[in-house]
Amino acid sequence: MERYTPQQIVQIVQLYYENQRSVKEVFRKLRPT
């Protein structure tokens, strides 16, 4: 598991609730590769 800063956690939670149907999309936004 990676450790995130509180600020990143807030961003993750916001993205999660915006994209509840697809968690994969959240991680795509977090990690543009």
PDB file of N, CA and C in Angstrom:
ATOM      1  N   MET A   1       0.835  -1.201   0.000  1.00  0.00           N
ATOM      2  CA  MET A   1       0.000   0.000   0.000  1.00  0.00           C
ATOM      3  C   MET A   1       0.869   1.251   0.000  1.00  0.00           C
ATOM      4  N   GLU A   2       0.475   2.201  -0.818  1.00  0.00           N
ATOM      5  CA  GLU A   2       1.195   3.468  -0.835  1.00  0.00           C
ATOM      6  C   GLU A   2       0.612   4.380   0.233  1.00  0.00           C
ATOM      7  N   ARG A   3       1.455   5.249   0.749  1.00  0.00           N
ATOM      8  CA  ARG A   3       0.962   6.203   1.743  1.00  0.00           C
ATOM      9  C   ARG A   3       0.678   7.531   1.058  1.00  0.00           C
ATOM     10  N   TYR A   4      -0.458   8.101   1.401  1.00  0.00           N
ATOM     11  CA  TYR A   4      -0.865   9.362   0.807  1.00  0.00           C
ATOM     12  C   TYR A   4      -0.898  10.450   1.864  1.00  0.00           C
ATOM     13  N   THR A   5      -0.697  11.662   1.424  1.00  0.00           N
ATOM     14  CA  THR A   5      -0.826  12.797   2.338  1.00  0.00           C
ATOM     15  C   THR A   5      -2.314  13.060   2.566  1.00  0.00           C
ATOM     16  N   PRO A   6      -2.669  13.723   3.666  1.00  0.00           N
ATOM     17  CA  PRO A   6      -4.087  14.043   3.900  1.00  0.00           C
ATOM     18  C   PRO A   6      -4.728  14.773   2.728  1.00  0.00           C
ATOM     19  N   GLN A   7      -3.965  15.626   2.086  1.00  0.00           N
ATOM     20  CA  GLN A   7      -4.501  16.369   0.941  1.00  0.00           C
ATOM     21  C   GLN A   7      -4.833  15.417  -0.212  1.00  0.00           C
ATOM     22  N   GLN A   8      -3.963  14.429  -0.433  1.00  0.00           N
ATOM     23  CA  GLN A   8      -4.227  13.464  -1.495  1.00  0.00           C
ATOM     24  C   GLN A   8      -5.440  12.604  -1.153  1.00  0.00           C
ATOM     25  N   ILE A   9      -5.575  12.262   0.125  1.00  0.00           N
ATOM     26  CA  ILE A   9      -6.715  11.449   0.541  1.00  0.00           C
ATOM     27  C   ILE A   9      -8.021  12.177   0.259  1.00  0.00           C
ATOM     28  N   VAL A  10      -8.049  13.470   0.552  1.00  0.00           N
ATOM     29  CA  VAL A  10      -9.248  14.271   0.263  1.00  0.00           C
ATOM     30  C   VAL A  10      -9.559  14.226  -1.224  1.00  0.00           C
ATOM     31  N   GLN A  11      -8.531  14.357  -2.039  1.00  0.00           N
ATOM     32  CA  GLN A  11      -8.719  14.333  -3.486  1.00  0.00           C
ATOM     33  C   GLN A  11      -9.228  12.966  -3.943  1.00  0.00           C
ATOM     34  N   ILE A  12      -8.666  11.913  -3.359  1.00  0.00           N
ATOM     35  CA  ILE A  12      -9.086  10.555  -3.698  1.00  0.00           C
ATOM     36  C   ILE A  12     -10.553  10.352  -3.342  1.00  0.00           C
ATOM     37  N   VAL A  13     -10.930  10.805  -2.149  1.00  0.00           N
ATOM     38  CA  VAL A  13     -12.318  10.638  -1.705  1.00  0.00           C
ATOM     39  C   VAL A  13     -13.269  11.394  -2.624  1.00  0.00           C
ATOM     40  N   GLN A  14     -12.894  12.603  -3.001  1.00  0.00           N
ATOM     41  CA  GLN A  14     -13.739  13.386  -3.902  1.00  0.00           C
ATOM     42  C   GLN A  14     -13.886  12.684  -5.244  1.00  0.00           C
ATOM     43  N   LEU A  15     -12.781  12.187  -5.780  1.00  0.00           N
ATOM     44  CA  LEU A  15     -12.837  11.478  -7.050  1.00  0.00           C
ATOM     45  C   LEU A  15     -13.677  10.213  -6.918  1.00  0.00           C
ATOM     46  N   TYR A  16     -13.534   9.536  -5.777  1.00  0.00           N
ATOM     47  CA  TYR A  16     -14.287   8.298  -5.559  1.00  0.00           C
ATOM     48  C   TYR A  16     -15.787   8.560  -5.609  1.00  0.00           C
ATOM     49  N   TYR A  17     -16.228   9.607  -4.908  1.00  0.00           N
ATOM     50  CA  TYR A  17     -17.660   9.893  -4.879  1.00  0.00           C
ATOM     51  C   TYR A  17     -18.163  10.416  -6.218  1.00  0.00           C
ATOM     52  N   GLU A  18     -17.299  11.065  -6.966  1.00  0.00           N
ATOM     53  CA  GLU A  18     -17.699  11.525  -8.296  1.00  0.00           C
ATOM     54  C   GLU A  18     -17.803  10.356  -9.268  1.00  0.00           C
ATOM     55  N   ASN A  19     -17.030   9.318  -9.010  1.00  0.00           N
ATOM     56  CA  ASN A  19     -16.958   8.191  -9.948  1.00  0.00           C
ATOM     57  C   ASN A  19     -17.211   6.874  -9.221  1.00  0.00           C
ATOM     58  N   GLN A  20     -18.283   6.828  -8.454  1.00  0.00           N
ATOM     59  CA  GLN A  20     -18.565   5.637  -7.651  1.00  0.00           C
ATOM     60  C   GLN A  20     -18.706   4.382  -8.502  1.00  0.00           C
ATOM     61  N   ARG A  21     -19.175   4.556  -9.698  1.00  0.00           N
ATOM     62  CA  ARG A  21     -19.449   3.383 -10.525  1.00  0.00           C
ATOM     63  C   ARG A  21     -18.172   2.747 -11.054  1.00  0.00           C
ATOM     64  N   SER A  22     -17.112   3.534 -11.164  1.00  0.00           N
ATOM     65  CA  SER A  22     -15.878   2.980 -11.730  1.00  0.00           C
ATOM     66  C   SER A  22     -14.665   3.451 -10.945  1.00  0.00           C
ATOM     67  N   VAL A  23     -14.209   2.600 -10.053  1.00  0.00           N
ATOM     68  CA  VAL A  23     -13.034   2.929  -9.249  1.00  0.00           C
ATOM     69  C   VAL A  23     -11.794   2.987 -10.134  1.00  0.00           C
ATOM     70  N   LYS A  24     -11.776   2.202 -11.201  1.00  0.00           N
ATOM     71  CA  LYS A  24     -10.627   2.204 -12.114  1.00  0.00           C
ATOM     72  C   LYS A  24     -10.403   3.585 -12.706  1.00  0.00           C
ATOM     73  N   GLU A  25     -11.483   4.289 -12.986  1.00  0.00           N
ATOM     74  CA  GLU A  25     -11.356   5.638 -13.531  1.00  0.00           C
ATOM     75  C   GLU A  25     -10.679   6.567 -12.539  1.00  0.00           C
ATOM     76  N   VAL A  26     -10.976   6.368 -11.255  1.00  0.00           N
ATOM     77  CA  VAL A  26     -10.358   7.202 -10.225  1.00  0.00           C
ATOM     78  C   VAL A  26      -8.851   7.017 -10.263  1.00  0.00           C
ATOM     79  N   PHE A  27      -8.401   5.753 -10.334  1.00  0.00           N
ATOM     80  CA  PHE A  27      -6.963   5.512 -10.312  1.00  0.00           C
ATOM     81  C   PHE A  27      -6.298   5.969 -11.606  1.00  0.00           C
ATOM     82  N   ARG A  28      -7.038   5.962 -12.698  1.00  0.00           N
ATOM     83  CA  ARG A  28      -6.495   6.515 -13.942  1.00  0.00           C
ATOM     84  C   ARG A  28      -6.224   8.004 -13.787  1.00  0.00           C
ATOM     85  N   LYS A  29      -7.132   8.698 -13.115  1.00  0.00           N
ATOM     86  CA  LYS A  29      -6.956  10.135 -12.913  1.00  0.00           C
ATOM     87  C   LYS A  29      -5.828  10.417 -11.934  1.00  0.00           C
ATOM     88  N   LEU A  30      -5.666   9.528 -10.954  1.00  0.00           N
ATOM     89  CA  LEU A  30      -4.598   9.724  -9.979  1.00  0.00           C
ATOM     90  C   LEU A  30      -3.240   9.482 -10.611  1.00  0.00           C
ATOM     91  N   ARG A  31      -3.174   8.503 -11.511  1.00  0.00           N
ATOM     92  CA  ARG A  31      -1.886   8.134 -12.101  1.00  0.00           C
ATOM     93  C   ARG A  31      -1.960   8.202 -13.614  1.00  0.00           C
ATOM     94  N   PRO A  32      -1.756   9.365 -14.183  1.00  0.00           N
ATOM     95  CA  PRO A  32      -1.691   9.435 -15.651  1.00  0.00           C
ATOM     96  C   PRO A  32      -0.393   8.829 -16.151  1.00  0.00           C
ATOM     97  N   THR A  33      -0.513   7.699 -16.853  1.00  0.00           N
ATOM     98  CA  THR A  33       0.705   7.039 -17.362  1.00  0.00           C
ATOM     99  C   THR A  33       0.656   7.004 -18.872  1.00  0.00           C
TER     100      THR A  33
END
